Amino acid sequence: MRNKLATATVALGTMVTLCITTPAHAWGDEGHEIVGLIAKHYLDPAVATKVNTILASDTTGLTSNENIDVEATWADHYRAKNTANYNQTHNWHFVDLEIAAPPDLKSACFGEPPLNGATAFDGPPNDCVVDKINEFAVELRDPATGAQERLYALQFILHFVGDLHQPLHSSDDNDRGGNNKKVKAVPALPKGAGKSSGELHGFWDTQFVALQGRTETTVANKLIRKITVAKRTQWSKGTANDWAIETYAISKVNTYGPLPAPDTKGLYTLPASYVTNAKGVVADQLSKAGVRLAFVLNEALK
């Protein structure tokens, strides 16, 4: 289970440093930017203005600009900046729902620890992406929230709603969310899609996103054209808790379910059928994340 491993890792300084230099970024920057662009399309005009105003106050320099799509990557860059940031926020990016048992959100969220008067940003490091979305959304809704905390709330929500929809950030097979499973695509992935071997987690972060198209804007526009009114209505319901359970079920069927048995060296060979199916699942998850991010922001800032 990744939660326990992450806690143990924090105790080892050298191990933490390694984790910071090679973190698991759900969707990678490209995927998060696609989610941000889709969300931007569905923001109410007044909410879009508020979002832009809040993001304009970001002076950290961790992103190249303060546009919603680029700021959707901020939480990963913040986590990677130093050991303290990593220790504080690493567990917030995922929820380890074990596929071998019925999903137990409370257990996967470290017992759902209360804030006890602290801001969400200063909340306990042992918490999960579901709790943090809920906590930051409350702060974003509250007009009494201070300017700095409001900025943090928006930056983390922009990122965490995307994280929640990456199948391997909402499920686990005692393999650190797929990071411990070595895979190889046969036949090799098309040129431009990245390496054809690596960790299962990384494939869902980046390679299957790269298969969607050449640029973030191109992919976002393509996905937006396929989002019907009925789909947007269906997806703009529920809570982060509901979406975590939904993503867990999708991962169980589409991420872990079709994996072939590993070879004698523990390598999983992904056939073309797995890659094709994963490409479709990733397109749906990016689309859902974008629509739901807009839903959260429209509700919090209306």
C-alpha atoms as a PDB file:
ATOM      1  CA  MET A   1       0.000   0.000   0.000  1.00  0.00           C
ATOM      2  CA  ARG A   2       1.500   3.322  -1.116  1.00  0.00           C
ATOM      3  CA  ASN A   3       0.379   5.285   1.963  1.00  0.00           C
ATOM      4  CA  LYS A   4       2.421   3.127   4.345  1.00  0.00           C
ATOM      5  CA  LEU A   5       5.378   3.076   2.011  1.00  0.00           C
ATOM      6  CA  ALA A   6       5.273   6.852   1.625  1.00  0.00           C
ATOM      7  CA  THR A   7       5.235   7.323   5.382  1.00  0.00           C
ATOM      8  CA  ALA A   8       8.236   5.047   5.779  1.00  0.00           C
ATOM      9  CA  THR A   9      10.029   6.799   2.951  1.00  0.00           C
ATOM     10  CA  VAL A  10       9.645  10.202   4.582  1.00  0.00           C
ATOM     11  CA  ALA A  11      11.720   8.923   7.489  1.00  0.00           C
ATOM     12  CA  LEU A  12      14.661   8.265   5.202  1.00  0.00           C
ATOM     13  CA  GLY A  13      16.180  11.517   4.003  1.00  0.00           C
ATOM     14  CA  THR A  14      18.033  10.071   1.064  1.00  0.00           C
ATOM     15  CA  MET A  15      14.979   8.172  -0.079  1.00  0.00           C
ATOM     16  CA  VAL A  16      12.907  11.338   0.073  1.00  0.00           C
ATOM     17  CA  THR A  17      15.429  13.160  -2.052  1.00  0.00           C
ATOM     18  CA  LEU A  18      15.165  10.456  -4.676  1.00  0.00           C
ATOM     19  CA  CYS A  19      11.378  10.700  -4.624  1.00  0.00           C
ATOM     20  CA  ILE A  20      11.538  14.457  -5.113  1.00  0.00           C
ATOM     21  CA  THR A  21      13.759  14.207  -8.160  1.00  0.00           C
ATOM     22  CA  THR A  22      11.583  11.568  -9.797  1.00  0.00           C
ATOM     23  CA  PRO A  23       8.026  12.128  -8.536  1.00  0.00           C
ATOM     24  CA  ALA A  24       4.938  10.427  -9.921  1.00  0.00           C
ATOM     25  CA  HIS A  25       2.936  13.221 -11.489  1.00  0.00           C
ATOM     26  CA  ALA A  26      -0.626  12.239 -12.298  1.00  0.00           C
ATOM     27  CA  TRP A  27      -1.152  12.982 -15.995  1.00  0.00           C
ATOM     28  CA  GLY A  28       2.172  14.849 -16.183  1.00  0.00           C
ATOM     29  CA  ASP A  29       2.057  18.559 -16.990  1.00  0.00           C
ATOM     30  CA  GLU A  30       0.438  17.842 -20.347  1.00  0.00           C
ATOM     31  CA  GLY A  31      -2.529  15.997 -18.898  1.00  0.00           C
ATOM     32  CA  HIS A  32      -3.139  18.586 -16.206  1.00  0.00           C
ATOM     33  CA  GLU A  33      -3.011  21.369 -18.779  1.00  0.00           C
ATOM     34  CA  ILE A  34      -5.586  19.522 -20.894  1.00  0.00           C
ATOM     35  CA  VAL A  35      -7.864  19.221 -17.848  1.00  0.00           C
ATOM     36  CA  GLY A  36      -7.398  22.934 -17.141  1.00  0.00           C
ATOM     37  CA  LEU A  37      -8.245  23.917 -20.714  1.00  0.00           C
ATOM     38  CA  ILE A  38     -11.414  21.813 -20.688  1.00  0.00           C
ATOM     39  CA  ALA A  39     -12.447  23.316 -17.356  1.00  0.00           C
ATOM     40  CA  LYS A  40     -11.794  26.835 -18.674  1.00  0.00           C
ATOM     41  CA  HIS A  41     -14.219  26.185 -21.522  1.00  0.00           C
ATOM     42  CA  TYR A  42     -17.034  25.386 -19.080  1.00  0.00           C
ATOM     43  CA  LEU A  43     -16.466  28.114 -16.476  1.00  0.00           C
ATOM     44  CA  ASP A  44     -19.201  30.672 -15.992  1.00  0.00           C
ATOM     45  CA  PRO A  45     -17.851  34.045 -17.234  1.00  0.00           C
ATOM     46  CA  ALA A  46     -18.009  35.661 -13.786  1.00  0.00           C
ATOM     47  CA  VAL A  47     -16.264  32.662 -12.237  1.00  0.00           C
ATOM     48  CA  ALA A  48     -13.560  32.759 -14.917  1.00  0.00           C
ATOM     49  CA  THR A  49     -12.889  36.383 -13.990  1.00  0.00           C
ATOM     50  CA  LYS A  50     -12.571  35.478 -10.307  1.00  0.00           C
ATOM     51  CA  VAL A  51     -10.252  32.565 -11.115  1.00  0.00           C
ATOM     52  CA  ASN A  52      -7.994  34.780 -13.223  1.00  0.00           C
ATOM     53  CA  THR A  53      -7.872  37.446 -10.506  1.00  0.00           C
ATOM     54  CA  ILE A  54      -6.908  34.928  -7.814  1.00  0.00           C
ATOM     55  CA  LEU A  55      -4.247  33.250  -9.951  1.00  0.00           C
ATOM     56  CA  ALA A  56      -2.718  36.613 -10.878  1.00  0.00           C
ATOM     57  CA  SER A  57      -1.491  36.865  -7.277  1.00  0.00           C
ATOM     58  CA  ASP A  58       0.807  33.826  -7.644  1.00  0.00           C
ATOM     59  CA  THR A  59       4.364  35.091  -7.220  1.00  0.00           C
ATOM     60  CA  THR A  60       6.054  31.729  -6.596  1.00  0.00           C
ATOM     61  CA  GLY A  61       7.444  31.420 -10.110  1.00  0.00           C
ATOM     62  CA  LEU A  62       6.748  27.686 -10.068  1.00  0.00           C
ATOM     63  CA  THR A  63       4.781  27.898 -13.328  1.00  0.00           C
ATOM     64  CA  SER A  64       5.549  29.766 -16.534  1.00  0.00           C
ATOM     65  CA  ASN A  65       2.402  31.894 -16.283  1.00  0.00           C
ATOM     66  CA  GLU A  66      -0.784  32.269 -14.242  1.00  0.00           C
ATOM     67  CA  ASN A  67      -3.260  30.890 -16.804  1.00  0.00           C
ATOM     68  CA  ILE A  68      -5.641  28.240 -15.463  1.00  0.00           C
ATOM     69  CA  ASP A  69      -4.179  25.432 -17.568  1.00  0.00           C
ATOM     70  CA  VAL A  70      -0.576  26.108 -16.543  1.00  0.00           C
ATOM     71  CA  GLU A  71      -1.495  26.735 -12.893  1.00  0.00           C
ATOM     72  CA  ALA A  72      -3.114  23.279 -12.886  1.00  0.00           C
ATOM     73  CA  THR A  73       0.463  21.949 -12.765  1.00  0.00           C
ATOM     74  CA  TRP A  74       1.488  24.132  -9.793  1.00  0.00           C
ATOM     75  CA  ALA A  75       0.932  21.546  -7.033  1.00  0.00           C
ATOM     76  CA  ASP A  76       3.376  19.090  -8.625  1.00  0.00           C
ATOM     77  CA  HIS A  77       6.044  21.771  -8.935  1.00  0.00           C
ATOM     78  CA  TYR A  78       5.421  22.882  -5.360  1.00  0.00           C
ATOM     79  CA  ARG A  79       5.790  19.286  -4.137  1.00  0.00           C
ATOM     80  CA  ALA A  80       9.051  18.842  -6.046  1.00  0.00           C
ATOM     81  CA  LYS A  81      10.600  22.110  -4.871  1.00  0.00           C
ATOM     82  CA  ASN A  82      12.121  20.772  -1.632  1.00  0.00           C
ATOM     83  CA  THR A  83      11.914  18.027   0.972  1.00  0.00           C
ATOM     84  CA  ALA A  84       9.637  20.015   3.283  1.00  0.00           C
ATOM     85  CA  ASN A  85       7.058  20.566   0.556  1.00  0.00           C
ATOM     86  CA  TYR A  86       7.254  16.917  -0.457  1.00  0.00           C
ATOM     87  CA  ASN A  87       6.729  15.723   3.117  1.00  0.00           C
ATOM     88  CA  GLN A  88       3.827  18.117   3.584  1.00  0.00           C
ATOM     89  CA  THR A  89       1.822  17.375   0.435  1.00  0.00           C
ATOM     90  CA  HIS A  90       2.933  14.086  -1.148  1.00  0.00           C
ATOM     91  CA  ASN A  91       0.077  11.958   0.216  1.00  0.00           C
ATOM     92  CA  TRP A  92      -2.501  14.563  -0.800  1.00  0.00           C
ATOM     93  CA  HIS A  93      -2.150  13.638  -4.493  1.00  0.00           C
ATOM     94  CA  PHE A  94      -3.779  10.188  -4.359  1.00  0.00           C
ATOM     95  CA  VAL A  95      -6.084   7.824  -2.497  1.00  0.00           C
ATOM     96  CA  ASP A  96      -4.980   4.198  -2.213  1.00  0.00           C
ATOM     97  CA  LEU A  97      -8.167   2.187  -2.696  1.00  0.00           C
ATOM     98  CA  GLU A  98      -6.973  -1.409  -2.781  1.00  0.00           C
ATOM     99  CA  ILE A  99      -8.437  -3.379  -5.685  1.00  0.00           C
ATOM    100  CA  ALA A 100      -8.329  -6.648  -3.712  1.00  0.00           C
ATOM    101  CA  ALA A 101     -11.016  -5.411  -1.288  1.00  0.00           C
ATOM    102  CA  PRO A 102     -14.155  -3.263  -1.301  1.00  0.00           C
ATOM    103  CA  PRO A 103     -13.126   0.407  -1.492  1.00  0.00           C
ATOM    104  CA  ASP A 104     -12.667   1.911   1.976  1.00  0.00           C
ATOM    105  CA  LEU A 105     -12.269   5.672   1.670  1.00  0.00           C
ATOM    106  CA  LYS A 106     -11.894   6.329   5.379  1.00  0.00           C
ATOM    107  CA  SER A 107      -9.006   3.887   5.726  1.00  0.00           C
ATOM    108  CA  ALA A 108      -7.367   5.055   2.492  1.00  0.00           C
ATOM    109  CA  CYS A 109      -7.646   8.650   3.732  1.00  0.00           C
ATOM    110  CA  PHE A 110      -5.733   7.966   6.963  1.00  0.00           C
ATOM    111  CA  GLY A 111      -8.967   7.960   8.965  1.00  0.00           C
ATOM    112  CA  GLU A 112     -10.090  11.294   7.460  1.00  0.00           C
ATOM    113  CA  PRO A 113      -8.210  13.474   9.970  1.00  0.00           C
ATOM    114  CA  PRO A 114      -9.936  16.723  11.010  1.00  0.00           C
ATOM    115  CA  LEU A 115      -8.270  20.061  10.474  1.00  0.00           C
ATOM    116  CA  ASN A 116      -8.847  21.071  14.105  1.00  0.00           C
ATOM    117  CA  GLY A 117      -8.910  24.748  13.248  1.00  0.00           C
ATOM    118  CA  ALA A 118      -5.962  24.694  10.861  1.00  0.00           C
ATOM    119  CA  THR A 119      -6.249  25.862   7.274  1.00  0.00           C
ATOM    120  CA  ALA A 120      -6.414  23.157   4.627  1.00  0.00           C
ATOM    121  CA  PHE A 121      -2.917  24.158   3.505  1.00  0.00           C
ATOM    122  CA  ASP A 122      -1.592  23.607   7.037  1.00  0.00           C
ATOM    123  CA  GLY A 123      -3.537  20.371   7.509  1.00  0.00           C
ATOM    124  CA  PRO A 124      -1.921  17.046   8.390  1.00  0.00           C
ATOM    125  CA  PRO A 125       0.416  15.541   5.774  1.00  0.00           C
ATOM    126  CA  ASN A 126      -1.240  12.135   6.187  1.00  0.00           C
ATOM    127  CA  ASP A 127      -4.407  12.798   4.234  1.00  0.00           C
ATOM    128  CA  CYS A 128      -5.710  11.994   0.764  1.00  0.00           C
ATOM    129  CA  VAL A 129      -6.763  13.744  -2.422  1.00  0.00           C
ATOM    130  CA  VAL A 130     -10.474  13.318  -1.662  1.00  0.00           C
ATOM    131  CA  ASP A 131     -10.276  15.093   1.694  1.00  0.00           C
ATOM    132  CA  LYS A 132      -8.117  17.870   0.293  1.00  0.00           C
ATOM    133  CA  ILE A 133     -10.505  18.626  -2.571  1.00  0.00           C
ATOM    134  CA  ASN A 134     -13.367  18.847  -0.092  1.00  0.00           C
ATOM    135  CA  GLU A 135     -11.413  21.012   2.361  1.00  0.00           C
ATOM    136  CA  PHE A 136     -10.056  23.430  -0.216  1.00  0.00           C
ATOM    137  CA  ALA A 137     -13.487  23.752  -1.864  1.00  0.00           C
ATOM    138  CA  VAL A 138     -14.970  24.833   1.474  1.00  0.00           C
ATOM    139  CA  GLU A 139     -12.297  27.514   1.775  1.00  0.00           C
ATOM    140  CA  LEU A 140     -12.811  28.678  -1.786  1.00  0.00           C
ATOM    141  CA  ARG A 141     -16.535  29.104  -1.080  1.00  0.00           C
ATOM    142  CA  ASP A 142     -15.995  31.018   2.153  1.00  0.00           C
ATOM    143  CA  PRO A 143     -15.694  34.804   1.574  1.00  0.00           C
ATOM    144  CA  ALA A 144     -13.805  35.073   4.883  1.00  0.00           C
ATOM    145  CA  THR A 145     -10.891  32.973   3.576  1.00  0.00           C
ATOM    146  CA  GLY A 146      -7.692  35.026   3.418  1.00  0.00           C
ATOM    147  CA  ALA A 147      -6.139  35.913   0.074  1.00  0.00           C
ATOM    148  CA  GLN A 148      -3.129  33.591   0.383  1.00  0.00           C
ATOM    149  CA  GLU A 149      -5.196  30.617   1.539  1.00  0.00           C
ATOM    150  CA  ARG A 150      -7.702  31.283  -1.252  1.00  0.00           C
ATOM    151  CA  LEU A 151      -4.864  31.130  -3.774  1.00  0.00           C
ATOM    152  CA  TYR A 152      -3.616  27.849  -2.292  1.00  0.00           C
ATOM    153  CA  ALA A 153      -7.153  26.453  -2.326  1.00  0.00           C
ATOM    154  CA  LEU A 154      -7.565  27.266  -6.015  1.00  0.00           C
ATOM    155  CA  GLN A 155      -4.128  25.998  -7.029  1.00  0.00           C
ATOM    156  CA  PHE A 156      -4.563  22.673  -5.269  1.00  0.00           C
ATOM    157  CA  ILE A 157      -8.131  22.167  -6.536  1.00  0.00           C
ATOM    158  CA  LEU A 158      -6.985  22.841 -10.108  1.00  0.00           C
ATOM    159  CA  HIS A 159      -4.511  20.002  -9.709  1.00  0.00           C
ATOM    160  CA  PHE A 160      -6.226  17.539  -7.389  1.00  0.00           C
ATOM    161  CA  VAL A 161      -9.426  17.132  -9.407  1.00  0.00           C
ATOM    162  CA  GLY A 162      -7.190  16.022 -12.257  1.00  0.00           C
ATOM    163  CA  ASP A 163      -5.205  13.706  -9.978  1.00  0.00           C
ATOM    164  CA  LEU A 164      -8.357  12.055  -8.727  1.00  0.00           C
ATOM    165  CA  HIS A 165      -9.292  10.962 -12.260  1.00  0.00           C
ATOM    166  CA  GLN A 166      -5.967   9.303 -13.071  1.00  0.00           C
ATOM    167  CA  PRO A 167      -6.894   5.644 -12.442  1.00  0.00           C
ATOM    168  CA  LEU A 168      -3.657   4.862 -10.614  1.00  0.00           C
ATOM    169  CA  HIS A 169      -4.152   7.782  -8.230  1.00  0.00           C
ATOM    170  CA  SER A 170      -7.437   6.272  -7.044  1.00  0.00           C
ATOM    171  CA  SER A 171      -6.450   2.600  -6.873  1.00  0.00           C
ATOM    172  CA  ASP A 172      -3.651   0.352  -5.703  1.00  0.00           C
ATOM    173  CA  ASP A 173      -2.603  -3.296  -5.944  1.00  0.00           C
ATOM    174  CA  ASN A 174       0.052  -3.197  -3.232  1.00  0.00           C
ATOM    175  CA  ASP A 175       2.302  -1.818  -5.972  1.00  0.00           C
ATOM    176  CA  ARG A 176       2.498   1.899  -5.088  1.00  0.00           C
ATOM    177  CA  GLY A 177      -0.211   2.732  -7.597  1.00  0.00           C
ATOM    178  CA  GLY A 178       1.465   0.833 -10.414  1.00  0.00           C
ATOM    179  CA  ASN A 179       4.930   2.284  -9.773  1.00  0.00           C
ATOM    180  CA  ASN A 180       6.282  -1.163  -8.876  1.00  0.00           C
ATOM    181  CA  LYS A 181       4.982  -2.854 -12.031  1.00  0.00           C
ATOM    182  CA  LYS A 182       7.424  -2.793 -14.937  1.00  0.00           C
ATOM    183  CA  VAL A 183       5.729  -2.888 -18.322  1.00  0.00           C
ATOM    184  CA  LYS A 184       6.598  -2.938 -21.992  1.00  0.00           C
ATOM    185  CA  ALA A 185       4.311  -2.166 -24.937  1.00  0.00           C
ATOM    186  CA  VAL A 186       4.463  -4.658 -27.822  1.00  0.00           C
ATOM    187  CA  PRO A 187       4.288  -3.479 -30.554  1.00  0.00           C
ATOM    188  CA  ALA A 188       6.199  -0.329 -29.604  1.00  0.00           C
ATOM    189  CA  LEU A 189       4.255   2.877 -29.063  1.00  0.00           C
ATOM    190  CA  PRO A 190       4.000   5.296 -32.006  1.00  0.00           C
ATOM    191  CA  LYS A 191       6.740   7.883 -32.439  1.00  0.00           C
ATOM    192  CA  GLY A 192       6.175  10.831 -30.129  1.00  0.00           C
ATOM    193  CA  ALA A 193       4.291   8.858 -27.492  1.00  0.00           C
ATOM    194  CA  GLY A 194       7.322   8.315 -25.295  1.00  0.00           C
ATOM    195  CA  LYS A 195       9.253   5.228 -24.250  1.00  0.00           C
ATOM    196  CA  SER A 196       7.676   1.827 -24.829  1.00  0.00           C
ATOM    197  CA  SER A 197       8.904   0.486 -21.490  1.00  0.00           C
ATOM    198  CA  GLY A 198       8.762   1.754 -17.938  1.00  0.00           C
ATOM    199  CA  GLU A 199       6.389   1.709 -14.954  1.00  0.00           C
ATOM    200  CA  LEU A 200       2.681   1.068 -15.369  1.00  0.00           C
ATOM    201  CA  HIS A 201       1.968   4.269 -13.453  1.00  0.00           C
ATOM    202  CA  GLY A 202       4.090   6.299 -15.836  1.00  0.00           C
ATOM    203  CA  PHE A 203       2.273   4.915 -18.878  1.00  0.00           C
ATOM    204  CA  TRP A 204      -1.048   6.184 -17.507  1.00  0.00           C
ATOM    205  CA  ASP A 205       0.537   9.502 -16.519  1.00  0.00           C
ATOM    206  CA  THR A 206       2.177  10.370 -19.809  1.00  0.00           C
ATOM    207  CA  GLN A 207       2.370   7.832 -22.632  1.00  0.00           C
ATOM    208  CA  PHE A 208      -1.374   7.255 -22.881  1.00  0.00           C
ATOM    209  CA  VAL A 209      -1.903  11.030 -22.685  1.00  0.00           C
ATOM    210  CA  ALA A 210       0.646  11.594 -25.460  1.00  0.00           C
ATOM    211  CA  LEU A 211      -1.359   9.226 -27.668  1.00  0.00           C
ATOM    212  CA  GLN A 212      -4.250  11.722 -27.565  1.00  0.00           C
ATOM    213  CA  GLY A 213      -2.574  14.280 -29.823  1.00  0.00           C
ATOM    214  CA  ARG A 214       0.368  16.585 -30.465  1.00  0.00           C
ATOM    215  CA  THR A 215      -0.477  19.607 -28.273  1.00  0.00           C
ATOM    216  CA  GLU A 216      -2.529  20.254 -25.150  1.00  0.00           C
ATOM    217  CA  THR A 217      -4.763  22.738 -26.964  1.00  0.00           C
ATOM    218  CA  THR A 218      -5.411  20.361 -29.849  1.00  0.00           C
ATOM    219  CA  VAL A 219      -6.324  17.525 -27.485  1.00  0.00           C
ATOM    220  CA  ALA A 220      -8.510  19.714 -25.274  1.00  0.00           C
ATOM    221  CA  ASN A 221     -10.449  21.045 -28.247  1.00  0.00           C
ATOM    222  CA  LYS A 222     -10.886  17.543 -29.652  1.00  0.00           C
ATOM    223  CA  LEU A 223     -12.229  16.247 -26.354  1.00  0.00           C
ATOM    224  CA  ILE A 224     -14.517  19.251 -25.849  1.00  0.00           C
ATOM    225  CA  ARG A 225     -16.144  18.574 -29.220  1.00  0.00           C
ATOM    226  CA  LYS A 226     -17.042  15.081 -28.013  1.00  0.00           C
ATOM    227  CA  ILE A 227     -18.553  16.216 -24.700  1.00  0.00           C
ATOM    228  CA  THR A 228     -22.294  16.271 -25.271  1.00  0.00           C
ATOM    229  CA  VAL A 229     -24.756  18.215 -23.146  1.00  0.00           C
ATOM    230  CA  ALA A 230     -25.933  14.894 -21.716  1.00  0.00           C
ATOM    231  CA  LYS A 231     -22.394  13.899 -20.727  1.00  0.00           C
ATOM    232  CA  ARG A 232     -21.697  17.269 -19.125  1.00  0.00           C
ATOM    233  CA  THR A 233     -24.939  17.047 -17.161  1.00  0.00           C
ATOM    234  CA  GLN A 234     -24.159  13.500 -16.046  1.00  0.00           C
ATOM    235  CA  TRP A 235     -20.600  14.325 -14.989  1.00  0.00           C
ATOM    236  CA  SER A 236     -21.508  17.577 -13.200  1.00  0.00           C
ATOM    237  CA  LYS A 237     -22.947  15.752 -10.226  1.00  0.00           C
ATOM    238  CA  GLY A 238     -21.693  14.102  -7.064  1.00  0.00           C
ATOM    239  CA  THR A 239     -18.673  14.736  -4.882  1.00  0.00           C
ATOM    240  CA  ALA A 240     -14.981  13.945  -4.806  1.00  0.00           C
ATOM    241  CA  ASN A 241     -15.887  10.864  -2.767  1.00  0.00           C
ATOM    242  CA  ASP A 242     -18.174   9.619  -5.546  1.00  0.00           C
ATOM    243  CA  TRP A 243     -15.600  10.333  -8.245  1.00  0.00           C
ATOM    244  CA  ALA A 244     -12.897   8.452  -6.351  1.00  0.00           C
ATOM    245  CA  ILE A 245     -15.064   5.341  -6.120  1.00  0.00           C
ATOM    246  CA  GLU A 246     -15.953   5.658  -9.804  1.00  0.00           C
ATOM    247  CA  THR A 247     -12.292   5.991 -10.832  1.00  0.00           C
ATOM    248  CA  TYR A 248     -11.351   3.055  -8.614  1.00  0.00           C
ATOM    249  CA  ALA A 249     -13.920   0.892 -10.442  1.00  0.00           C
ATOM    250  CA  ILE A 250     -12.628   2.072 -13.825  1.00  0.00           C
ATOM    251  CA  SER A 251      -9.073   1.201 -12.810  1.00  0.00           C
ATOM    252  CA  LYS A 252     -10.061  -2.222 -11.537  1.00  0.00           C
ATOM    253  CA  VAL A 253     -11.624  -3.074 -14.910  1.00  0.00           C
ATOM    254  CA  ASN A 254      -9.321  -1.238 -17.313  1.00  0.00           C
ATOM    255  CA  THR A 255      -5.939  -0.712 -15.636  1.00  0.00           C
ATOM    256  CA  TYR A 256      -5.332  -3.806 -13.551  1.00  0.00           C
ATOM    257  CA  GLY A 257      -7.961  -6.174 -14.958  1.00  0.00           C
ATOM    258  CA  PRO A 258      -6.516  -6.649 -18.478  1.00  0.00           C
ATOM    259  CA  LEU A 259      -2.891  -6.910 -17.364  1.00  0.00           C
ATOM    260  CA  PRO A 260      -1.347 -10.145 -18.637  1.00  0.00           C
ATOM    261  CA  ALA A 261       0.661 -12.322 -16.287  1.00  0.00           C
ATOM    262  CA  PRO A 262       4.254 -11.101 -15.851  1.00  0.00           C
ATOM    263  CA  ASP A 263       7.187 -13.030 -17.215  1.00  0.00           C
ATOM    264  CA  THR A 264       9.819 -14.682 -15.036  1.00  0.00           C
ATOM    265  CA  LYS A 265      11.540 -11.308 -14.541  1.00  0.00           C
ATOM    266  CA  GLY A 266       8.310  -9.630 -13.425  1.00  0.00           C
ATOM    267  CA  LEU A 267       7.817  -7.715 -16.700  1.00  0.00           C
ATOM    268  CA  TYR A 268       4.259  -7.161 -17.939  1.00  0.00           C
ATOM    269  CA  THR A 269       3.890  -7.020 -21.722  1.00  0.00           C
ATOM    270  CA  LEU A 270       1.097  -4.672 -22.800  1.00  0.00           C
ATOM    271  CA  PRO A 271      -0.496  -5.846 -26.060  1.00  0.00           C
ATOM    272  CA  ALA A 272      -1.974  -3.453 -28.606  1.00  0.00           C
ATOM    273  CA  SER A 273      -5.468  -4.146 -27.251  1.00  0.00           C
ATOM    274  CA  TYR A 274      -4.462  -2.872 -23.791  1.00  0.00           C
ATOM    275  CA  VAL A 275      -2.928   0.300 -25.239  1.00  0.00           C
ATOM    276  CA  THR A 276      -5.955   1.001 -27.450  1.00  0.00           C
ATOM    277  CA  ASN A 277      -8.371   0.569 -24.569  1.00  0.00           C
ATOM    278  CA  ALA A 278      -6.208   2.680 -22.246  1.00  0.00           C
ATOM    279  CA  LYS A 279      -6.125   5.498 -24.787  1.00  0.00           C
ATOM    280  CA  GLY A 280      -9.926   5.607 -24.785  1.00  0.00           C
ATOM    281  CA  VAL A 281     -10.157   5.434 -20.988  1.00  0.00           C
ATOM    282  CA  VAL A 282      -7.661   8.286 -20.606  1.00  0.00           C
ATOM    283  CA  ALA A 283      -9.630  10.446 -23.050  1.00  0.00           C
ATOM    284  CA  ASP A 284     -12.771   9.905 -20.976  1.00  0.00           C
ATOM    285  CA  GLN A 285     -10.993  10.566 -17.674  1.00  0.00           C
ATOM    286  CA  LEU A 286      -9.408  13.791 -18.902  1.00  0.00           C
ATOM    287  CA  SER A 287     -12.812  14.919 -20.151  1.00  0.00           C
ATOM    288  CA  LYS A 288     -14.564  14.071 -16.889  1.00  0.00           C
ATOM    289  CA  ALA A 289     -11.855  15.782 -14.863  1.00  0.00           C
ATOM    290  CA  GLY A 290     -12.173  18.978 -16.898  1.00  0.00           C
ATOM    291  CA  VAL A 291     -15.953  19.088 -16.651  1.00  0.00           C
ATOM    292  CA  ARG A 292     -15.888  18.310 -12.927  1.00  0.00           C
ATOM    293  CA  LEU A 293     -13.179  20.865 -12.229  1.00  0.00           C
ATOM    294  CA  ALA A 294     -15.398  23.510 -13.838  1.00  0.00           C
ATOM    295  CA  PHE A 295     -18.330  22.195 -11.789  1.00  0.00           C
ATOM    296  CA  VAL A 296     -16.380  22.531  -8.518  1.00  0.00           C
ATOM    297  CA  LEU A 297     -15.190  26.048  -9.380  1.00  0.00           C
ATOM    298  CA  ASN A 298     -18.585  27.236 -10.606  1.00  0.00           C
ATOM    299  CA  GLU A 299     -20.199  26.002  -7.397  1.00  0.00           C
ATOM    300  CA  ALA A 300     -17.493  27.463  -5.122  1.00  0.00           C
ATOM    301  CA  LEU A 301     -17.125  30.869  -6.775  1.00  0.00           C
ATOM    302  CA  LYS A 302     -20.599  31.616  -8.147  1.00  0.00           C
END
